[in-house]
Amino acid sequence: MTDSHHLISNDTLRELIDFFLLEQADDDRADQLKLYLRTRLRSPASEEAVQIVERYVAYMKAHDETLATQNLNAQSLNASNVDINRISTWRQQRDQLRQRMLGGQVEQFWYQNDDSQLTQAIDEWRQRAADQEGVAASAQQPRYPVPHWQNSRDEELHIQYLLGPLQKAVTSFSERSHEGQHWAERYSSYQNDAQKITHDASLDAAQRNAQLQALRVKLFPTQGEQQRAHELGP
């Protein structure tokens, strides 16, 4: 909050909203979130936060409905089937939804970094496609600098890196909710087992840390999820 108790719409607020709306399974999770905000924030910040939640819930619905019309699916998207023009069209539609439903300030605070990465990925992917087709750059549209590596493995890793922002851009909130709730279930299981490890007096610190790491590897398939579980503890 500001000194005058107005809301600051930063990433912390977005992460809190996503935790309630995308990682919880209760049907009344939006109402739970609004109650939480009203009890934790002073007025007028509390009501400003509640208004953002209501707009965000409406945006999530409109986002998924509009995305469905483009027939884009993050799970099936790979280097061989990227339709960069369709993704670019969807991105424009999505940005218009954000501006209209969330407002420019919230859009900037929440999505500026993601948008920058997406712009770079779209521009480079489009230039790579033009290079393959032998299309020369014009004076009005100079050539985007595409990096290349002599090692084919490094080149492939970069292509997968480019796919990341594209896949993220076409992921529905419904899919994110499914993944978020699945994460929450696995993290709950991790906490239960981790508590047993941390309270095992027969283990020294090195053994305890090794068992916790092995447990994270067992329950969480990606390094990102393992790191998140480690940061959340224990």
C-alpha atoms as a PDB file:
ATOM      1  CA  MET A   1       0.000   0.000   0.000  1.00  0.00           C
ATOM      2  CA  THR A   2       0.952   3.643  -0.387  1.00  0.00           C
ATOM      3  CA  ASP A   3       1.220   5.985   2.607  1.00  0.00           C
ATOM      4  CA  SER A   4      -2.383   7.014   1.936  1.00  0.00           C
ATOM      5  CA  HIS A   5      -3.503   3.341   1.985  1.00  0.00           C
ATOM      6  CA  HIS A   6      -4.093   3.003  -1.746  1.00  0.00           C
ATOM      7  CA  LEU A   7      -3.257  -0.279  -3.442  1.00  0.00           C
ATOM      8  CA  ILE A   8       0.006  -0.967  -5.268  1.00  0.00           C
ATOM      9  CA  SER A   9      -0.804  -3.496  -8.003  1.00  0.00           C
ATOM     10  CA  ASN A  10       2.548  -5.271  -8.009  1.00  0.00           C
ATOM     11  CA  ASP A  11       3.641  -8.844  -8.702  1.00  0.00           C
ATOM     12  CA  THR A  12       3.033  -9.820  -5.081  1.00  0.00           C
ATOM     13  CA  LEU A  13      -0.670  -9.063  -5.499  1.00  0.00           C
ATOM     14  CA  ARG A  14      -0.810 -11.004  -8.752  1.00  0.00           C
ATOM     15  CA  GLU A  15       0.907 -14.016  -7.160  1.00  0.00           C
ATOM     16  CA  LEU A  16      -1.559 -13.938  -4.266  1.00  0.00           C
ATOM     17  CA  ILE A  17      -4.544 -13.757  -6.617  1.00  0.00           C
ATOM     18  CA  ASP A  18      -3.200 -16.594  -8.761  1.00  0.00           C
ATOM     19  CA  PHE A  19      -2.578 -18.703  -5.647  1.00  0.00           C
ATOM     20  CA  PHE A  20      -6.221 -18.440  -4.603  1.00  0.00           C
ATOM     21  CA  LEU A  21      -7.799 -18.669  -8.053  1.00  0.00           C
ATOM     22  CA  LEU A  22      -5.490 -21.146  -9.799  1.00  0.00           C
ATOM     23  CA  GLU A  23      -4.131 -23.396  -7.052  1.00  0.00           C
ATOM     24  CA  GLN A  24      -7.199 -23.858  -4.848  1.00  0.00           C
ATOM     25  CA  ALA A  25     -10.056 -26.207  -5.732  1.00  0.00           C
ATOM     26  CA  ASP A  26     -12.866 -24.686  -3.650  1.00  0.00           C
ATOM     27  CA  ASP A  27     -15.811 -23.366  -5.660  1.00  0.00           C
ATOM     28  CA  ASP A  28     -15.917 -20.232  -3.505  1.00  0.00           C
ATOM     29  CA  ARG A  29     -12.188 -19.477  -3.822  1.00  0.00           C
ATOM     30  CA  ALA A  30     -12.841 -16.038  -5.340  1.00  0.00           C
ATOM     31  CA  ASP A  31     -15.021 -15.136  -2.354  1.00  0.00           C
ATOM     32  CA  GLN A  32     -12.361 -16.508  -0.002  1.00  0.00           C
ATOM     33  CA  LEU A  33      -9.782 -14.304  -1.699  1.00  0.00           C
ATOM     34  CA  LYS A  34     -11.921 -11.183  -1.395  1.00  0.00           C
ATOM     35  CA  LEU A  35     -12.554 -11.899   2.288  1.00  0.00           C
ATOM     36  CA  TYR A  36      -8.824 -12.392   2.827  1.00  0.00           C
ATOM     37  CA  LEU A  37      -8.024  -9.068   1.155  1.00  0.00           C
ATOM     38  CA  ARG A  38     -10.646  -7.214   3.179  1.00  0.00           C
ATOM     39  CA  THR A  39      -9.232  -8.598   6.427  1.00  0.00           C
ATOM     40  CA  ARG A  40      -5.580  -7.962   5.562  1.00  0.00           C
ATOM     41  CA  LEU A  41      -5.714  -4.561   3.852  1.00  0.00           C
ATOM     42  CA  ARG A  42      -6.950  -1.219   5.073  1.00  0.00           C
ATOM     43  CA  SER A  43      -9.484   0.812   3.128  1.00  0.00           C
ATOM     44  CA  PRO A  44      -9.387   2.019   0.366  1.00  0.00           C
ATOM     45  CA  ALA A  45      -6.701  -0.514  -0.662  1.00  0.00           C
ATOM     46  CA  SER A  46      -8.917  -3.443   0.346  1.00  0.00           C
ATOM     47  CA  GLU A  47     -11.781  -2.422  -1.942  1.00  0.00           C
ATOM     48  CA  GLU A  48      -9.375  -1.545  -4.756  1.00  0.00           C
ATOM     49  CA  ALA A  49      -7.943  -5.064  -4.474  1.00  0.00           C
ATOM     50  CA  VAL A  50     -11.417  -6.623  -4.469  1.00  0.00           C
ATOM     51  CA  GLN A  51     -12.293  -4.696  -7.636  1.00  0.00           C
ATOM     52  CA  ILE A  52      -9.148  -6.019  -9.324  1.00  0.00           C
ATOM     53  CA  VAL A  53     -10.101  -9.572  -8.335  1.00  0.00           C
ATOM     54  CA  GLU A  54     -13.566  -9.159  -9.837  1.00  0.00           C
ATOM     55  CA  ARG A  55     -12.126  -7.747 -13.061  1.00  0.00           C
ATOM     56  CA  TYR A  56      -9.504 -10.494 -13.164  1.00  0.00           C
ATOM     57  CA  VAL A  57     -12.112 -13.252 -12.788  1.00  0.00           C
ATOM     58  CA  ALA A  58     -14.045 -11.765 -15.720  1.00  0.00           C
ATOM     59  CA  TYR A  59     -10.810 -11.421 -17.706  1.00  0.00           C
ATOM     60  CA  MET A  60      -9.911 -15.079 -17.125  1.00  0.00           C
ATOM     61  CA  LYS A  61     -13.238 -16.174 -18.615  1.00  0.00           C
ATOM     62  CA  ALA A  62     -12.957 -13.843 -21.618  1.00  0.00           C
ATOM     63  CA  HIS A  63      -9.314 -14.875 -22.121  1.00  0.00           C
ATOM     64  CA  ASP A  64     -10.138 -18.572 -22.415  1.00  0.00           C
ATOM     65  CA  GLU A  65     -13.174 -17.998 -24.622  1.00  0.00           C
ATOM     66  CA  THR A  66     -11.160 -15.845 -27.035  1.00  0.00           C
ATOM     67  CA  LEU A  67      -8.171 -18.195 -27.009  1.00  0.00           C
ATOM     68  CA  ALA A  68     -10.447 -21.102 -27.939  1.00  0.00           C
ATOM     69  CA  THR A  69     -11.475 -19.313 -31.147  1.00  0.00           C
ATOM     70  CA  GLN A  70      -7.838 -19.303 -32.304  1.00  0.00           C
ATOM     71  CA  ASN A  71      -7.508 -23.086 -31.901  1.00  0.00           C
ATOM     72  CA  LEU A  72      -4.172 -22.727 -30.108  1.00  0.00           C
ATOM     73  CA  ASN A  73      -3.061 -25.271 -27.533  1.00  0.00           C
ATOM     74  CA  ALA A  74       0.090 -24.962 -25.434  1.00  0.00           C
ATOM     75  CA  GLN A  75       0.459 -28.709 -24.862  1.00  0.00           C
ATOM     76  CA  SER A  76       0.509 -29.527 -28.574  1.00  0.00           C
ATOM     77  CA  LEU A  77       2.661 -26.547 -29.597  1.00  0.00           C
ATOM     78  CA  ASN A  78       6.147 -27.525 -30.751  1.00  0.00           C
ATOM     79  CA  ALA A  79       8.851 -26.280 -33.112  1.00  0.00           C
ATOM     80  CA  SER A  80       7.296 -28.036 -36.116  1.00  0.00           C
ATOM     81  CA  ASN A  81       3.787 -26.568 -35.876  1.00  0.00           C
ATOM     82  CA  VAL A  82       4.201 -22.977 -34.653  1.00  0.00           C
ATOM     83  CA  ASP A  83       1.784 -20.658 -36.495  1.00  0.00           C
ATOM     84  CA  ILE A  84       3.465 -17.397 -35.593  1.00  0.00           C
ATOM     85  CA  ASN A  85       0.880 -15.230 -37.347  1.00  0.00           C
ATOM     86  CA  ARG A  86      -1.970 -16.858 -35.445  1.00  0.00           C
ATOM     87  CA  ILE A  87      -0.082 -16.457 -32.165  1.00  0.00           C
ATOM     88  CA  SER A  88       0.575 -12.804 -33.000  1.00  0.00           C
ATOM     89  CA  THR A  89      -3.117 -12.252 -33.744  1.00  0.00           C
ATOM     90  CA  TRP A  90      -4.078 -13.885 -30.456  1.00  0.00           C
ATOM     91  CA  ARG A  91      -1.534 -11.755 -28.629  1.00  0.00           C
ATOM     92  CA  GLN A  92      -3.161  -8.587 -30.006  1.00  0.00           C
ATOM     93  CA  GLN A  93      -6.608  -9.808 -28.938  1.00  0.00           C
ATOM     94  CA  ARG A  94      -5.328 -10.725 -25.493  1.00  0.00           C
ATOM     95  CA  ASP A  95      -3.637  -7.339 -25.024  1.00  0.00           C
ATOM     96  CA  GLN A  96      -6.875  -5.576 -25.940  1.00  0.00           C
ATOM     97  CA  LEU A  97      -8.726  -7.670 -23.351  1.00  0.00           C
ATOM     98  CA  ARG A  98      -6.171  -6.757 -20.704  1.00  0.00           C
ATOM     99  CA  GLN A  99      -6.367  -3.062 -21.482  1.00  0.00           C
ATOM    100  CA  ARG A 100     -10.158  -3.055 -21.467  1.00  0.00           C
ATOM    101  CA  MET A 101     -10.784  -5.337 -18.498  1.00  0.00           C
ATOM    102  CA  LEU A 102      -7.768  -4.823 -16.217  1.00  0.00           C
ATOM    103  CA  GLY A 103      -6.581  -1.344 -17.119  1.00  0.00           C
ATOM    104  CA  GLY A 104      -3.253  -0.063 -18.366  1.00  0.00           C
ATOM    105  CA  GLN A 105      -1.596   0.259 -14.969  1.00  0.00           C
ATOM    106  CA  VAL A 106      -2.301  -3.321 -13.914  1.00  0.00           C
ATOM    107  CA  GLU A 107      -1.270  -4.593 -17.347  1.00  0.00           C
ATOM    108  CA  GLN A 108       2.066  -2.806 -17.139  1.00  0.00           C
ATOM    109  CA  PHE A 109       2.850  -3.880 -13.580  1.00  0.00           C
ATOM    110  CA  TRP A 110       1.874  -7.512 -14.109  1.00  0.00           C
ATOM    111  CA  TYR A 111       2.839  -8.306 -17.679  1.00  0.00           C
ATOM    112  CA  GLN A 112       5.625  -5.967 -18.816  1.00  0.00           C
ATOM    113  CA  ASN A 113       8.432  -8.526 -18.511  1.00  0.00           C
ATOM    114  CA  ASP A 114       6.421 -11.373 -20.045  1.00  0.00           C
ATOM    115  CA  ASP A 115       5.347  -9.145 -22.923  1.00  0.00           C
ATOM    116  CA  SER A 116       8.942  -8.153 -23.647  1.00  0.00           C
ATOM    117  CA  GLN A 117      10.022 -11.802 -23.812  1.00  0.00           C
ATOM    118  CA  LEU A 118       7.051 -12.681 -26.019  1.00  0.00           C
ATOM    119  CA  THR A 119       7.806  -9.833 -28.431  1.00  0.00           C
ATOM    120  CA  GLN A 120      11.398 -11.025 -28.815  1.00  0.00           C
ATOM    121  CA  ALA A 121      10.293 -14.622 -29.351  1.00  0.00           C
ATOM    122  CA  ILE A 122       7.714 -13.658 -31.997  1.00  0.00           C
ATOM    123  CA  ASP A 123      10.142 -11.371 -33.831  1.00  0.00           C
ATOM    124  CA  GLU A 124      12.914 -13.961 -33.893  1.00  0.00           C
ATOM    125  CA  TRP A 125      10.600 -16.823 -34.892  1.00  0.00           C
ATOM    126  CA  ARG A 126       9.153 -14.747 -37.716  1.00  0.00           C
ATOM    127  CA  GLN A 127      12.649 -13.828 -38.930  1.00  0.00           C
ATOM    128  CA  ARG A 128      13.771 -17.448 -38.836  1.00  0.00           C
ATOM    129  CA  ALA A 129      10.762 -18.405 -40.962  1.00  0.00           C
ATOM    130  CA  ALA A 130      11.561 -15.609 -43.426  1.00  0.00           C
ATOM    131  CA  ASP A 131      15.190 -16.741 -43.641  1.00  0.00           C
ATOM    132  CA  GLN A 132      14.108 -20.289 -44.447  1.00  0.00           C
ATOM    133  CA  GLU A 133      11.844 -18.977 -47.206  1.00  0.00           C
ATOM    134  CA  GLY A 134      14.568 -16.693 -48.563  1.00  0.00           C
ATOM    135  CA  VAL A 135      12.604 -13.494 -47.928  1.00  0.00           C
ATOM    136  CA  ALA A 136      14.875 -10.436 -47.856  1.00  0.00           C
ATOM    137  CA  ALA A 137      14.423  -7.715 -45.245  1.00  0.00           C
ATOM    138  CA  SER A 138      13.185  -4.301 -46.403  1.00  0.00           C
ATOM    139  CA  ALA A 139      14.336  -0.843 -45.430  1.00  0.00           C
ATOM    140  CA  GLN A 140      11.055  -0.342 -43.578  1.00  0.00           C
ATOM    141  CA  GLN A 141      11.428  -3.647 -41.708  1.00  0.00           C
ATOM    142  CA  PRO A 142      15.101  -4.317 -41.003  1.00  0.00           C
ATOM    143  CA  ARG A 143      16.198  -7.883 -40.368  1.00  0.00           C
ATOM    144  CA  TYR A 144      15.821  -9.144 -36.801  1.00  0.00           C
ATOM    145  CA  PRO A 145      19.240 -10.353 -35.543  1.00  0.00           C
ATOM    146  CA  VAL A 146      18.860 -14.123 -35.291  1.00  0.00           C
ATOM    147  CA  PRO A 147      21.559 -15.881 -33.229  1.00  0.00           C
ATOM    148  CA  HIS A 148      23.043 -19.156 -34.479  1.00  0.00           C
ATOM    149  CA  TRP A 149      25.369 -21.751 -32.978  1.00  0.00           C
ATOM    150  CA  GLN A 150      27.770 -24.163 -34.643  1.00  0.00           C
ATOM    151  CA  ASN A 151      26.747 -26.839 -32.176  1.00  0.00           C
ATOM    152  CA  SER A 152      23.370 -28.267 -33.213  1.00  0.00           C
ATOM    153  CA  ARG A 153      22.546 -29.123 -29.600  1.00  0.00           C
ATOM    154  CA  ASP A 154      22.957 -25.481 -28.557  1.00  0.00           C
ATOM    155  CA  GLU A 155      20.791 -24.419 -31.491  1.00  0.00           C
ATOM    156  CA  GLU A 156      18.070 -26.842 -30.410  1.00  0.00           C
ATOM    157  CA  LEU A 157      18.232 -25.606 -26.815  1.00  0.00           C
ATOM    158  CA  HIS A 158      17.721 -22.051 -28.049  1.00  0.00           C
ATOM    159  CA  ILE A 159      14.696 -23.110 -30.110  1.00  0.00           C
ATOM    160  CA  GLN A 160      13.202 -24.709 -26.998  1.00  0.00           C
ATOM    161  CA  TYR A 161      13.933 -21.507 -25.088  1.00  0.00           C
ATOM    162  CA  LEU A 162      12.047 -19.532 -27.765  1.00  0.00           C
ATOM    163  CA  LEU A 163       9.099 -21.901 -27.494  1.00  0.00           C
ATOM    164  CA  GLY A 164       8.725 -21.115 -23.790  1.00  0.00           C
ATOM    165  CA  PRO A 165       7.154 -17.632 -24.135  1.00  0.00           C
ATOM    166  CA  LEU A 166       5.029 -18.824 -27.084  1.00  0.00           C
ATOM    167  CA  GLN A 167       3.641 -21.772 -25.119  1.00  0.00           C
ATOM    168  CA  LYS A 168       3.040 -19.586 -22.088  1.00  0.00           C
ATOM    169  CA  ALA A 169       1.127 -17.074 -24.207  1.00  0.00           C
ATOM    170  CA  VAL A 170      -1.317 -19.702 -25.486  1.00  0.00           C
ATOM    171  CA  THR A 171      -1.905 -21.451 -22.151  1.00  0.00           C
ATOM    172  CA  SER A 172      -5.492 -21.120 -20.951  1.00  0.00           C
ATOM    173  CA  PHE A 173      -6.408 -20.242 -17.388  1.00  0.00           C
ATOM    174  CA  SER A 174      -8.316 -23.512 -17.262  1.00  0.00           C
ATOM    175  CA  GLU A 175      -5.111 -25.402 -17.980  1.00  0.00           C
ATOM    176  CA  ARG A 176      -3.161 -23.280 -15.508  1.00  0.00           C
ATOM    177  CA  SER A 177      -5.791 -24.014 -12.860  1.00  0.00           C
ATOM    178  CA  HIS A 178      -5.525 -27.745 -13.490  1.00  0.00           C
ATOM    179  CA  GLU A 179      -1.730 -27.574 -13.241  1.00  0.00           C
ATOM    180  CA  GLY A 180      -1.885 -25.314 -10.190  1.00  0.00           C
ATOM    181  CA  GLN A 181      -4.200 -27.615  -8.270  1.00  0.00           C
ATOM    182  CA  HIS A 182      -2.047 -30.601  -9.201  1.00  0.00           C
ATOM    183  CA  TRP A 183       0.991 -28.713  -7.906  1.00  0.00           C
ATOM    184  CA  ALA A 184      -0.820 -27.906  -4.643  1.00  0.00           C
ATOM    185  CA  GLU A 185      -1.672 -31.583  -4.118  1.00  0.00           C
ATOM    186  CA  ARG A 186       1.938 -32.651  -4.676  1.00  0.00           C
ATOM    187  CA  TYR A 187       3.260 -29.886  -2.439  1.00  0.00           C
ATOM    188  CA  SER A 188       0.896 -30.951   0.340  1.00  0.00           C
ATOM    189  CA  SER A 189       2.239 -34.494   0.030  1.00  0.00           C
ATOM    190  CA  TYR A 190       5.784 -33.116   0.042  1.00  0.00           C
ATOM    191  CA  GLN A 191       5.136 -31.142   3.222  1.00  0.00           C
ATOM    192  CA  ASN A 192       3.805 -34.212   5.037  1.00  0.00           C
ATOM    193  CA  ASP A 193       6.802 -36.359   4.110  1.00  0.00           C
ATOM    194  CA  ALA A 194       9.283 -33.518   4.624  1.00  0.00           C
ATOM    195  CA  GLN A 195       8.041 -32.937   8.157  1.00  0.00           C
ATOM    196  CA  LYS A 196       8.839 -36.550   9.012  1.00  0.00           C
ATOM    197  CA  ILE A 197      12.354 -36.110   7.648  1.00  0.00           C
ATOM    198  CA  THR A 198      13.014 -32.839   9.465  1.00  0.00           C
ATOM    199  CA  HIS A 199      11.833 -34.315  12.776  1.00  0.00           C
ATOM    200  CA  ASP A 200      13.866 -37.509  12.442  1.00  0.00           C
ATOM    201  CA  ALA A 201      16.444 -37.161  15.226  1.00  0.00           C
ATOM    202  CA  SER A 202      18.574 -39.964  13.785  1.00  0.00           C
ATOM    203  CA  LEU A 203      19.532 -37.828  10.752  1.00  0.00           C
ATOM    204  CA  ASP A 204      22.283 -35.256  10.702  1.00  0.00           C
ATOM    205  CA  ALA A 205      21.978 -32.055   8.639  1.00  0.00           C
ATOM    206  CA  ALA A 206      23.644 -33.499   5.537  1.00  0.00           C
ATOM    207  CA  GLN A 207      21.470 -36.625   5.569  1.00  0.00           C
ATOM    208  CA  ARG A 208      18.347 -34.556   6.148  1.00  0.00           C
ATOM    209  CA  ASN A 209      19.108 -32.228   3.229  1.00  0.00           C
ATOM    210  CA  ALA A 210      19.917 -35.171   0.958  1.00  0.00           C
ATOM    211  CA  GLN A 211      16.612 -36.874   1.752  1.00  0.00           C
ATOM    212  CA  LEU A 212      14.657 -33.652   1.236  1.00  0.00           C
ATOM    213  CA  GLN A 213      16.330 -33.158  -2.144  1.00  0.00           C
ATOM    214  CA  ALA A 214      15.559 -36.749  -3.140  1.00  0.00           C
ATOM    215  CA  LEU A 215      11.934 -36.218  -2.108  1.00  0.00           C
ATOM    216  CA  ARG A 216      11.667 -33.068  -4.247  1.00  0.00           C
ATOM    217  CA  VAL A 217      13.104 -34.901  -7.252  1.00  0.00           C
ATOM    218  CA  LYS A 218      10.602 -37.710  -6.721  1.00  0.00           C
ATOM    219  CA  LEU A 219       7.515 -35.475  -6.466  1.00  0.00           C
ATOM    220  CA  PHE A 220       8.356 -32.584  -8.807  1.00  0.00           C
ATOM    221  CA  PRO A 221       9.393 -33.339 -12.407  1.00  0.00           C
ATOM    222  CA  THR A 222      11.023 -30.007 -13.289  1.00  0.00           C
ATOM    223  CA  GLN A 223      13.871 -28.069 -11.717  1.00  0.00           C
ATOM    224  CA  GLY A 224      11.595 -25.037 -11.474  1.00  0.00           C
ATOM    225  CA  GLU A 225       9.059 -26.934  -9.361  1.00  0.00           C
ATOM    226  CA  GLN A 226      11.809 -28.447  -7.225  1.00  0.00           C
ATOM    227  CA  GLN A 227      13.257 -24.998  -6.586  1.00  0.00           C
ATOM    228  CA  ARG A 228       9.839 -23.588  -5.732  1.00  0.00           C
ATOM    229  CA  ALA A 229       9.205 -26.374  -3.222  1.00  0.00           C
ATOM    230  CA  HIS A 230      12.637 -25.772  -1.711  1.00  0.00           C
ATOM    231  CA  GLU A 231      11.971 -22.035  -1.357  1.00  0.00           C
ATOM    232  CA  LEU A 232       8.557 -22.617   0.216  1.00  0.00           C
ATOM    233  CA  GLY A 233      10.108 -25.129   2.586  1.00  0.00           C
ATOM    234  CA  PRO A 234      11.008 -27.134   4.392  1.00  0.00           C
END
